């Protein structure tokens, strides 16, 4: 029986990661899908006032089995 191959869906993860935790769950699920070959993470980005968010995203993006994933942060103007 031939095994069906799932083509990885390309994803750019856009987040407003901050004091809430929904985006932590979302990026964790995304990395799980990528580890299974169901998603291909092209980049991660966040629009938030928290200046350390790029570092937070970088932790998720470099501790998995995928390797280096580009990370970008947009700090909204006031």
PDB file of N, CA and C in Angstrom:
ATOM      1  N   UNK A   1       0.840  -1.180   0.000  1.00  0.00           N
ATOM      2  CA  UNK A   1       0.000   0.000   0.000  1.00  0.00           C
ATOM      3  C   UNK A   1       0.882   1.239   0.000  1.00  0.00           C
ATOM      4  N   UNK A   2       0.653   2.109  -0.956  1.00  0.00           N
ATOM      5  CA  UNK A   2       1.445   3.334  -1.056  1.00  0.00           C
ATOM      6  C   UNK A   2       1.105   4.282   0.089  1.00  0.00           C
ATOM      7  N   UNK A   3       2.142   4.896   0.607  1.00  0.00           N
ATOM      8  CA  UNK A   3       1.945   5.839   1.708  1.00  0.00           C
ATOM      9  C   UNK A   3       1.733   7.242   1.142  1.00  0.00           C
ATOM     10  N   UNK A   4       0.676   7.908   1.580  1.00  0.00           N
ATOM     11  CA  UNK A   4       0.411   9.277   1.130  1.00  0.00           C
ATOM     12  C   UNK A   4       1.396  10.228   1.779  1.00  0.00           C
ATOM     13  N   UNK A   5       2.007  11.050   0.970  1.00  0.00           N
ATOM     14  CA  UNK A   5       2.938  12.057   1.458  1.00  0.00           C
ATOM     15  C   UNK A   5       2.200  13.370   1.650  1.00  0.00           C
ATOM     16  N   UNK A   6       2.397  13.986   2.791  1.00  0.00           N
ATOM     17  CA  UNK A   6       1.808  15.289   3.064  1.00  0.00           C
ATOM     18  C   UNK A   6       2.834  16.349   2.697  1.00  0.00           C
ATOM     19  N   UNK A   7       2.418  17.296   1.880  1.00  0.00           N
ATOM     20  CA  UNK A   7       3.311  18.392   1.510  1.00  0.00           C
ATOM     21  C   UNK A   7       3.258  19.453   2.611  1.00  0.00           C
ATOM     22  N   UNK A   8       4.416  19.858   3.068  1.00  0.00           N
ATOM     23  CA  UNK A   8       4.493  20.859   4.130  1.00  0.00           C
ATOM     24  C   UNK A   8       3.901  22.187   3.658  1.00  0.00           C
ATOM     25  N   UNK A   9       3.056  22.765   4.487  1.00  0.00           N
ATOM     26  CA  UNK A   9       2.429  24.049   4.192  1.00  0.00           C
ATOM     27  C   UNK A   9       3.382  25.161   4.622  1.00  0.00           C
ATOM     28  N   UNK A  10       3.751  26.072   3.709  1.00  0.00           N
ATOM     29  CA  UNK A  10       4.631  27.178   4.100  1.00  0.00           C
ATOM     30  C   UNK A  10       3.887  28.167   5.005  1.00  0.00           C
ATOM     31  N   UNK A  11       4.548  28.582   6.107  1.00  0.00           N
ATOM     32  CA  UNK A  11       3.907  29.443   7.097  1.00  0.00           C
ATOM     33  C   UNK A  11       4.842  30.592   7.477  1.00  0.00           C
ATOM     34  N   UNK A  12       4.294  31.795   7.512  1.00  0.00           N
ATOM     35  CA  UNK A  12       4.940  32.945   8.154  1.00  0.00           C
ATOM     36  C   UNK A  12       4.099  33.222   9.389  1.00  0.00           C
ATOM     37  N   UNK A  13       4.674  33.044  10.558  1.00  0.00           N
ATOM     38  CA  UNK A  13       3.956  33.189  11.821  1.00  0.00           C
ATOM     39  C   UNK A  13       3.964  34.646  12.238  1.00  0.00           C
ATOM     40  N   UNK A  14       2.791  35.264  12.287  1.00  0.00           N
ATOM     41  CA  UNK A  14       2.626  36.669  12.679  1.00  0.00           C
ATOM     42  C   UNK A  14       1.950  36.694  14.036  1.00  0.00           C
ATOM     43  N   UNK A  15       2.593  37.321  14.996  1.00  0.00           N
ATOM     44  CA  UNK A  15       2.163  37.241  16.378  1.00  0.00           C
ATOM     45  C   UNK A  15       2.053  38.624  17.009  1.00  0.00           C
ATOM     46  N   UNK A  16       1.266  38.703  18.067  1.00  0.00           N
ATOM     47  CA  UNK A  16       1.272  39.886  18.931  1.00  0.00           C
ATOM     48  C   UNK A  16       1.713  39.453  20.332  1.00  0.00           C
ATOM     49  N   UNK A  17       2.672  38.535  20.351  1.00  0.00           N
ATOM     50  CA  UNK A  17       3.112  37.928  21.607  1.00  0.00           C
ATOM     51  C   UNK A  17       3.425  39.003  22.639  1.00  0.00           C
ATOM     52  N   UNK A  18       2.872  38.829  23.799  1.00  0.00           N
ATOM     53  CA  UNK A  18       3.062  39.791  24.870  1.00  0.00           C
ATOM     54  C   UNK A  18       2.720  39.161  26.200  1.00  0.00           C
ATOM     55  N   UNK A  19       1.925  39.848  27.008  1.00  0.00           N
ATOM     56  CA  UNK A  19       1.656  39.346  28.355  1.00  0.00           C
ATOM     57  C   UNK A  19       0.695  38.153  28.394  1.00  0.00           C
ATOM     58  N   UNK A  20       0.024  37.859  27.303  1.00  0.00           N
ATOM     59  CA  UNK A  20      -0.854  36.685  27.281  1.00  0.00           C
ATOM     60  C   UNK A  20      -0.093  35.504  26.667  1.00  0.00           C
ATOM     61  N   UNK A  21      -0.688  34.324  26.719  1.00  0.00           N
ATOM     62  CA  UNK A  21       0.067  33.136  26.348  1.00  0.00           C
ATOM     63  C   UNK A  21      -0.489  32.380  25.155  1.00  0.00           C
ATOM     64  N   UNK A  22      -1.476  32.918  24.473  1.00  0.00           N
ATOM     65  CA  UNK A  22      -2.045  32.190  23.340  1.00  0.00           C
ATOM     66  C   UNK A  22      -1.027  31.997  22.221  1.00  0.00           C
ATOM     67  N   UNK A  23      -0.160  32.974  22.007  1.00  0.00           N
ATOM     68  CA  UNK A  23       0.834  32.860  20.940  1.00  0.00           C
ATOM     69  C   UNK A  23       1.925  31.851  21.278  1.00  0.00           C
ATOM     70  N   UNK A  24       2.200  31.659  22.564  1.00  0.00           N
ATOM     71  CA  UNK A  24       3.160  30.628  22.976  1.00  0.00           C
ATOM     72  C   UNK A  24       2.634  29.255  22.573  1.00  0.00           C
ATOM     73  N   UNK A  25       1.356  29.021  22.826  1.00  0.00           N
ATOM     74  CA  UNK A  25       0.741  27.766  22.414  1.00  0.00           C
ATOM     75  C   UNK A  25       0.731  27.604  20.910  1.00  0.00           C
ATOM     76  N   UNK A  26       0.426  28.701  20.201  1.00  0.00           N
ATOM     77  CA  UNK A  26       0.355  28.637  18.736  1.00  0.00           C
ATOM     78  C   UNK A  26       1.711  28.317  18.117  1.00  0.00           C
ATOM     79  N   UNK A  27       2.774  28.964  18.592  1.00  0.00           N
ATOM     80  CA  UNK A  27       4.093  28.706  17.994  1.00  0.00           C
ATOM     81  C   UNK A  27       4.589  27.310  18.381  1.00  0.00           C
ATOM     82  N   UNK A  28       4.197  26.834  19.551  1.00  0.00           N
ATOM     83  CA  UNK A  28       4.564  25.467  19.953  1.00  0.00           C
ATOM     84  C   UNK A  28       3.892  24.441  19.041  1.00  0.00           C
ATOM     85  N   UNK A  29       2.603  24.643  18.773  1.00  0.00           N
ATOM     86  CA  UNK A  29       1.894  23.746  17.853  1.00  0.00           C
ATOM     87  C   UNK A  29       2.497  23.835  16.455  1.00  0.00           C
ATOM     88  N   UNK A  30       2.819  25.048  16.010  1.00  0.00           N
ATOM     89  CA  UNK A  30       3.425  25.221  14.688  1.00  0.00           C
ATOM     90  C   UNK A  30       4.742  24.459  14.579  1.00  0.00           C
ATOM     91  N   UNK A  31       5.583  24.540  15.599  1.00  0.00           N
ATOM     92  CA  UNK A  31       6.858  23.816  15.567  1.00  0.00           C
ATOM     93  C   UNK A  31       6.633  22.302  15.595  1.00  0.00           C
ATOM     94  N   UNK A  32       5.601  21.855  16.292  1.00  0.00           N
ATOM     95  CA  UNK A  32       5.275  20.429  16.293  1.00  0.00           C
ATOM     96  C   UNK A  32       4.879  19.978  14.892  1.00  0.00           C
ATOM     97  N   UNK A  33       4.055  20.784  14.220  1.00  0.00           N
ATOM     98  CA  UNK A  33       3.668  20.465  12.840  1.00  0.00           C
ATOM     99  C   UNK A  33       4.882  20.467  11.913  1.00  0.00           C
ATOM    100  N   UNK A  34       5.793  21.414  12.137  1.00  0.00           N
ATOM    101  CA  UNK A  34       7.007  21.466  11.313  1.00  0.00           C
ATOM    102  C   UNK A  34       7.888  20.242  11.556  1.00  0.00           C
ATOM    103  N   UNK A  35       7.995  19.817  12.812  1.00  0.00           N
ATOM    104  CA  UNK A  35       8.782  18.617  13.128  1.00  0.00           C
ATOM    105  C   UNK A  35       8.203  17.373  12.465  1.00  0.00           C
ATOM    106  N   UNK A  36       6.888  17.357  12.271  1.00  0.00           N
ATOM    107  CA  UNK A  36       6.217  16.225  11.625  1.00  0.00           C
ATOM    108  C   UNK A  36       6.227  16.351  10.107  1.00  0.00           C
ATOM    109  N   UNK A  37       6.746  17.465   9.576  1.00  0.00           N
ATOM    110  CA  UNK A  37       6.801  17.661   8.139  1.00  0.00           C
ATOM    111  C   UNK A  37       5.515  18.201   7.539  1.00  0.00           C
ATOM    112  N   UNK A  38       4.594  18.642   8.372  1.00  0.00           N
ATOM    113  CA  UNK A  38       3.318  19.151   7.893  1.00  0.00           C
ATOM    114  C   UNK A  38       3.331  20.660   7.662  1.00  0.00           C
ATOM    115  N   UNK A  39       4.321  21.356   8.207  1.00  0.00           N
ATOM    116  CA  UNK A  39       4.454  22.803   8.023  1.00  0.00           C
ATOM    117  C   UNK A  39       5.915  23.131   7.761  1.00  0.00           C
ATOM    118  N   UNK A  40       6.143  24.189   7.007  1.00  0.00           N
ATOM    119  CA  UNK A  40       7.495  24.709   6.776  1.00  0.00           C
ATOM    120  C   UNK A  40       7.489  26.157   7.236  1.00  0.00           C
ATOM    121  N   UNK A  41       8.172  26.441   8.339  1.00  0.00           N
ATOM    122  CA  UNK A  41       8.180  27.789   8.905  1.00  0.00           C
ATOM    123  C   UNK A  41       9.175  28.637   8.112  1.00  0.00           C
ATOM    124  N   UNK A  42       8.651  29.626   7.409  1.00  0.00           N
ATOM    125  CA  UNK A  42       9.498  30.512   6.608  1.00  0.00           C
ATOM    126  C   UNK A  42      10.076  31.638   7.441  1.00  0.00           C
ATOM    127  N   UNK A  43       9.279  32.166   8.366  1.00  0.00           N
ATOM    128  CA  UNK A  43       9.720  33.274   9.215  1.00  0.00           C
ATOM    129  C   UNK A  43       8.730  33.442  10.352  1.00  0.00           C
ATOM    130  N   UNK A  44       9.171  34.128  11.395  1.00  0.00           N
ATOM    131  CA  UNK A  44       8.286  34.517  12.482  1.00  0.00           C
ATOM    132  C   UNK A  44       8.407  36.013  12.685  1.00  0.00           C
ATOM    133  N   UNK A  45       7.301  36.638  13.085  1.00  0.00           N
ATOM    134  CA  UNK A  45       7.320  38.086  13.302  1.00  0.00           C
ATOM    135  C   UNK A  45       6.317  38.444  14.381  1.00  0.00           C
ATOM    136  N   UNK A  46       6.515  39.625  14.966  1.00  0.00           N
ATOM    137  CA  UNK A  46       5.601  40.068  16.018  1.00  0.00           C
ATOM    138  C   UNK A  46       5.438  41.582  15.954  1.00  0.00           C
ATOM    139  N   UNK A  47       4.221  42.013  16.199  1.00  0.00           N
ATOM    140  CA  UNK A  47       3.910  43.430  16.343  1.00  0.00           C
ATOM    141  C   UNK A  47       3.468  43.653  17.783  1.00  0.00           C
ATOM    142  N   UNK A  48       4.340  44.196  18.562  1.00  0.00           N
ATOM    143  CA  UNK A  48       4.060  44.404  19.985  1.00  0.00           C
ATOM    144  C   UNK A  48       4.985  45.488  20.524  1.00  0.00           C
ATOM    145  N   UNK A  49       4.603  46.072  21.641  1.00  0.00           N
ATOM    146  CA  UNK A  49       5.447  47.079  22.290  1.00  0.00           C
ATOM    147  C   UNK A  49       6.569  46.453  23.108  1.00  0.00           C
ATOM    148  N   UNK A  50       6.500  45.159  23.349  1.00  0.00           N
ATOM    149  CA  UNK A  50       7.535  44.480  24.120  1.00  0.00           C
ATOM    150  C   UNK A  50       8.790  44.328  23.267  1.00  0.00           C
ATOM    151  N   UNK A  51       9.833  45.043  23.628  1.00  0.00           N
ATOM    152  CA  UNK A  51      11.048  45.083  22.800  1.00  0.00           C
ATOM    153  C   UNK A  51      11.828  43.772  22.809  1.00  0.00           C
ATOM    154  N   UNK A  52      11.582  42.896  23.773  1.00  0.00           N
ATOM    155  CA  UNK A  52      12.313  41.638  23.840  1.00  0.00           C
ATOM    156  C   UNK A  52      11.669  40.498  23.086  1.00  0.00           C
ATOM    157  N   UNK A  53      10.589  40.774  22.354  1.00  0.00           N
ATOM    158  CA  UNK A  53       9.846  39.690  21.708  1.00  0.00           C
ATOM    159  C   UNK A  53      10.667  38.975  20.637  1.00  0.00           C
ATOM    160  N   UNK A  54      11.538  39.670  19.960  1.00  0.00           N
ATOM    161  CA  UNK A  54      12.374  39.001  18.948  1.00  0.00           C
ATOM    162  C   UNK A  54      13.243  37.930  19.605  1.00  0.00           C
ATOM    163  N   UNK A  55      13.741  38.215  20.780  1.00  0.00           N
ATOM    164  CA  UNK A  55      14.522  37.226  21.515  1.00  0.00           C
ATOM    165  C   UNK A  55      13.683  36.037  21.943  1.00  0.00           C
ATOM    166  N   UNK A  56      12.445  36.299  22.347  1.00  0.00           N
ATOM    167  CA  UNK A  56      11.542  35.217  22.731  1.00  0.00           C
ATOM    168  C   UNK A  56      11.266  34.314  21.529  1.00  0.00           C
ATOM    169  N   UNK A  57      10.932  34.905  20.398  1.00  0.00           N
ATOM    170  CA  UNK A  57      10.686  34.111  19.190  1.00  0.00           C
ATOM    171  C   UNK A  57      11.944  33.337  18.789  1.00  0.00           C
ATOM    172  N   UNK A  58      13.098  33.964  18.952  1.00  0.00           N
ATOM    173  CA  UNK A  58      14.357  33.311  18.597  1.00  0.00           C
ATOM    174  C   UNK A  58      14.591  32.048  19.437  1.00  0.00           C
ATOM    175  N   UNK A  59      14.192  32.082  20.708  1.00  0.00           N
ATOM    176  CA  UNK A  59      14.334  30.893  21.554  1.00  0.00           C
ATOM    177  C   UNK A  59      13.530  29.738  20.968  1.00  0.00           C
ATOM    178  N   UNK A  60      12.280  30.000  20.590  1.00  0.00           N
ATOM    179  CA  UNK A  60      11.463  28.952  19.984  1.00  0.00           C
ATOM    180  C   UNK A  60      12.071  28.474  18.664  1.00  0.00           C
ATOM    181  N   UNK A  61      12.610  29.397  17.894  1.00  0.00           N
ATOM    182  CA  UNK A  61      13.072  29.083  16.544  1.00  0.00           C
ATOM    183  C   UNK A  61      14.435  28.408  16.497  1.00  0.00           C
ATOM    184  N   UNK A  62      15.189  28.430  17.567  1.00  0.00           N
ATOM    185  CA  UNK A  62      16.531  27.849  17.528  1.00  0.00           C
ATOM    186  C   UNK A  62      16.687  26.635  18.427  1.00  0.00           C
ATOM    187  N   UNK A  63      15.688  26.326  19.262  1.00  0.00           N
ATOM    188  CA  UNK A  63      15.833  25.177  20.158  1.00  0.00           C
ATOM    189  C   UNK A  63      15.250  23.903  19.571  1.00  0.00           C
ATOM    190  N   UNK A  64      14.511  24.013  18.485  1.00  0.00           N
ATOM    191  CA  UNK A  64      13.917  22.832  17.860  1.00  0.00           C
ATOM    192  C   UNK A  64      14.876  22.169  16.888  1.00  0.00           C
ATOM    193  N   UNK A  65      14.352  21.253  16.129  1.00  0.00           N
ATOM    194  CA  UNK A  65      15.174  20.499  15.185  1.00  0.00           C
ATOM    195  C   UNK A  65      15.259  21.159  13.812  1.00  0.00           C
ATOM    196  N   UNK A  66      14.603  22.291  13.639  1.00  0.00           N
ATOM    197  CA  UNK A  66      14.527  22.926  12.325  1.00  0.00           C
ATOM    198  C   UNK A  66      15.785  23.723  11.991  1.00  0.00           C
ATOM    199  N   UNK A  67      16.372  24.356  12.975  1.00  0.00           N
ATOM    200  CA  UNK A  67      17.528  25.203  12.718  1.00  0.00           C
ATOM    201  C   UNK A  67      17.134  26.667  12.748  1.00  0.00           C
ATOM    202  N   UNK A  68      17.881  27.490  12.079  1.00  0.00           N
ATOM    203  CA  UNK A  68      17.668  28.935  12.117  1.00  0.00           C
ATOM    204  C   UNK A  68      16.453  29.344  11.282  1.00  0.00           C
ATOM    205  N   UNK A  69      15.554  30.121  11.894  1.00  0.00           N
ATOM    206  CA  UNK A  69      14.371  30.653  11.221  1.00  0.00           C
ATOM    207  C   UNK A  69      14.422  32.170  11.358  1.00  0.00           C
ATOM    208  N   UNK A  70      14.255  32.909  10.258  1.00  0.00           N
ATOM    209  CA  UNK A  70      14.286  34.374  10.361  1.00  0.00           C
ATOM    210  C   UNK A  70      13.212  34.900  11.320  1.00  0.00           C
ATOM    211  N   UNK A  71      13.575  35.939  12.056  1.00  0.00           N
ATOM    212  CA  UNK A  71      12.671  36.538  13.032  1.00  0.00           C
ATOM    213  C   UNK A  71      12.671  38.044  12.835  1.00  0.00           C
ATOM    214  N   UNK A  72      11.484  38.647  12.874  1.00  0.00           N
ATOM    215  CA  UNK A  72      11.346  40.083  12.626  1.00  0.00           C
ATOM    216  C   UNK A  72      10.387  40.659  13.633  1.00  0.00           C
ATOM    217  N   UNK A  73      10.650  41.904  14.068  1.00  0.00           N
ATOM    218  CA  UNK A  73       9.780  42.566  15.034  1.00  0.00           C
ATOM    219  C   UNK A  73       9.411  43.948  14.536  1.00  0.00           C
ATOM    220  N   UNK A  74       8.123  44.259  14.636  1.00  0.00           N
ATOM    221  CA  UNK A  74       7.619  45.594  14.313  1.00  0.00           C
ATOM    222  C   UNK A  74       7.115  46.195  15.607  1.00  0.00           C
ATOM    223  N   UNK A  75       7.756  47.258  16.067  1.00  0.00           N
ATOM    224  CA  UNK A  75       7.304  47.946  17.257  1.00  0.00           C
ATOM    225  C   UNK A  75       6.376  49.059  16.822  1.00  0.00           C
ATOM    226  N   UNK A  76       5.086  48.964  17.193  1.00  0.00           N
ATOM    227  CA  UNK A  76       4.125  49.990  16.753  1.00  0.00           C
ATOM    228  C   UNK A  76       4.517  51.378  17.235  1.00  0.00           C
ATOM    229  N   UNK A  77       4.274  52.358  16.396  1.00  0.00           N
ATOM    230  CA  UNK A  77       4.547  53.735  16.801  1.00  0.00           C
ATOM    231  C   UNK A  77       3.394  54.255  17.625  1.00  0.00           C
ATOM    232  N   UNK A  78       3.673  55.236  18.429  1.00  0.00           N
ATOM    233  CA  UNK A  78       2.643  55.786  19.314  1.00  0.00           C
ATOM    234  C   UNK A  78       1.835  56.849  18.639  1.00  0.00           C
TER     235      UNK A  78
END
